[in-house]
Amino acid sequence: MRPFVGALQGTATLIATQRNARIFLAAASLPVAMAIWLGVTTHERCALALAIGFVLTAEAFNTGIKFAY
């Protein structure tokens, strides 16, 4: 359970400290809302969630590299 707590704390820190992560989450809310409104299929929702996850992961890696150097 501790790894999940650490991951959630890291995600919260990313969102609290990184402007680009907050902008991305705000921008990602529109496609999510549209997907709900349009009633997209389960596969399409999974693809959307993966795309959002990949971009957020890339932002987290970028932030980690930036702070390491």
C-alpha atoms as a PDB file:
ATOM      1  CA  MET A   1       0.000   0.000   0.000  1.00  0.00           C
ATOM      2  CA  ARG A   2       2.901   2.364   0.705  1.00  0.00           C
ATOM      3  CA  PRO A   3       3.997   2.571  -2.960  1.00  0.00           C
ATOM      4  CA  PHE A   4       0.538   3.767  -3.944  1.00  0.00           C
ATOM      5  CA  VAL A   5       0.566   6.402  -1.218  1.00  0.00           C
ATOM      6  CA  GLY A   6       3.968   7.599  -2.434  1.00  0.00           C
ATOM      7  CA  ALA A   7       2.756   7.693  -6.029  1.00  0.00           C
ATOM      8  CA  LEU A   8      -0.292   9.729  -5.065  1.00  0.00           C
ATOM      9  CA  GLN A   9       1.853  12.120  -3.029  1.00  0.00           C
ATOM     10  CA  GLY A  10       4.179  12.537  -6.000  1.00  0.00           C
ATOM     11  CA  THR A  11       1.274  13.222  -8.322  1.00  0.00           C
ATOM     12  CA  ALA A  12      -0.151  15.765  -5.879  1.00  0.00           C
ATOM     13  CA  THR A  13       3.258  17.448  -5.648  1.00  0.00           C
ATOM     14  CA  LEU A  14       3.551  17.518  -9.449  1.00  0.00           C
ATOM     15  CA  ILE A  15       0.169  19.183  -9.814  1.00  0.00           C
ATOM     16  CA  ALA A  16       0.794  21.604  -6.954  1.00  0.00           C
ATOM     17  CA  THR A  17       4.216  22.747  -8.181  1.00  0.00           C
ATOM     18  CA  GLN A  18       4.131  22.515 -11.967  1.00  0.00           C
ATOM     19  CA  ARG A  19       2.157  25.033 -13.976  1.00  0.00           C
ATOM     20  CA  ASN A  20       2.246  22.931 -17.162  1.00  0.00           C
ATOM     21  CA  ALA A  21       0.733  19.937 -15.369  1.00  0.00           C
ATOM     22  CA  ARG A  22      -2.158  22.087 -14.155  1.00  0.00           C
ATOM     23  CA  ILE A  23      -2.681  23.494 -17.652  1.00  0.00           C
ATOM     24  CA  PHE A  24      -2.652  19.991 -19.110  1.00  0.00           C
ATOM     25  CA  LEU A  25      -5.204  18.713 -16.604  1.00  0.00           C
ATOM     26  CA  ALA A  26      -7.456  21.661 -17.341  1.00  0.00           C
ATOM     27  CA  ALA A  27      -7.094  21.052 -21.084  1.00  0.00           C
ATOM     28  CA  ALA A  28      -7.720  17.314 -20.641  1.00  0.00           C
ATOM     29  CA  SER A  29     -11.030  17.971 -18.944  1.00  0.00           C
ATOM     30  CA  LEU A  30     -12.626  19.084 -22.236  1.00  0.00           C
ATOM     31  CA  PRO A  31     -12.032  15.817 -24.151  1.00  0.00           C
ATOM     32  CA  VAL A  32     -13.143  13.843 -21.090  1.00  0.00           C
ATOM     33  CA  ALA A  33     -16.343  15.872 -20.849  1.00  0.00           C
ATOM     34  CA  MET A  34     -16.952  15.483 -24.580  1.00  0.00           C
ATOM     35  CA  ALA A  35     -16.387  11.726 -24.343  1.00  0.00           C
ATOM     36  CA  ILE A  36     -18.969  11.478 -21.577  1.00  0.00           C
ATOM     37  CA  TRP A  37     -21.419  13.680 -23.440  1.00  0.00           C
ATOM     38  CA  LEU A  38     -21.002  11.793 -26.726  1.00  0.00           C
ATOM     39  CA  GLY A  39     -21.153   8.386 -25.063  1.00  0.00           C
ATOM     40  CA  VAL A  40     -17.966   6.981 -26.577  1.00  0.00           C
ATOM     41  CA  THR A  41     -17.228   3.274 -26.375  1.00  0.00           C
ATOM     42  CA  THR A  42     -15.247   1.635 -23.614  1.00  0.00           C
ATOM     43  CA  HIS A  43     -12.271   1.140 -25.921  1.00  0.00           C
ATOM     44  CA  GLU A  44     -12.249   4.805 -26.865  1.00  0.00           C
ATOM     45  CA  ARG A  45     -12.422   5.848 -23.210  1.00  0.00           C
ATOM     46  CA  CYS A  46      -9.478   3.560 -22.451  1.00  0.00           C
ATOM     47  CA  ALA A  47      -7.494   5.112 -25.305  1.00  0.00           C
ATOM     48  CA  LEU A  48      -8.300   8.581 -24.008  1.00  0.00           C
ATOM     49  CA  ALA A  49      -7.259   7.636 -20.471  1.00  0.00           C
ATOM     50  CA  LEU A  50      -4.001   6.147 -21.775  1.00  0.00           C
ATOM     51  CA  ALA A  51      -3.216   9.267 -23.802  1.00  0.00           C
ATOM     52  CA  ILE A  52      -3.844  11.512 -20.805  1.00  0.00           C
ATOM     53  CA  GLY A  53      -1.771   9.212 -18.619  1.00  0.00           C
ATOM     54  CA  PHE A  54       1.123   9.194 -21.083  1.00  0.00           C
ATOM     55  CA  VAL A  55       1.246  12.982 -21.252  1.00  0.00           C
ATOM     56  CA  LEU A  56       1.051  13.322 -17.467  1.00  0.00           C
ATOM     57  CA  THR A  57       3.817  10.720 -17.116  1.00  0.00           C
ATOM     58  CA  ALA A  58       5.980  12.603 -19.610  1.00  0.00           C
ATOM     59  CA  GLU A  59       5.435  15.793 -17.616  1.00  0.00           C
ATOM     60  CA  ALA A  60       6.442  13.977 -14.428  1.00  0.00           C
ATOM     61  CA  PHE A  61       9.629  12.641 -16.050  1.00  0.00           C
ATOM     62  CA  ASN A  62      10.430  16.092 -17.394  1.00  0.00           C
ATOM     63  CA  THR A  63       9.975  17.599 -13.942  1.00  0.00           C
ATOM     64  CA  GLY A  64      12.166  14.922 -12.347  1.00  0.00           C
ATOM     65  CA  ILE A  65      14.944  15.481 -14.856  1.00  0.00           C
ATOM     66  CA  LYS A  66      14.677  19.233 -14.455  1.00  0.00           C
ATOM     67  CA  PHE A  67      15.019  18.993 -10.664  1.00  0.00           C
ATOM     68  CA  ALA A  68      17.879  16.459 -10.896  1.00  0.00           C
ATOM     69  CA  TYR A  69      20.119  18.892 -12.783  1.00  0.00           C
END
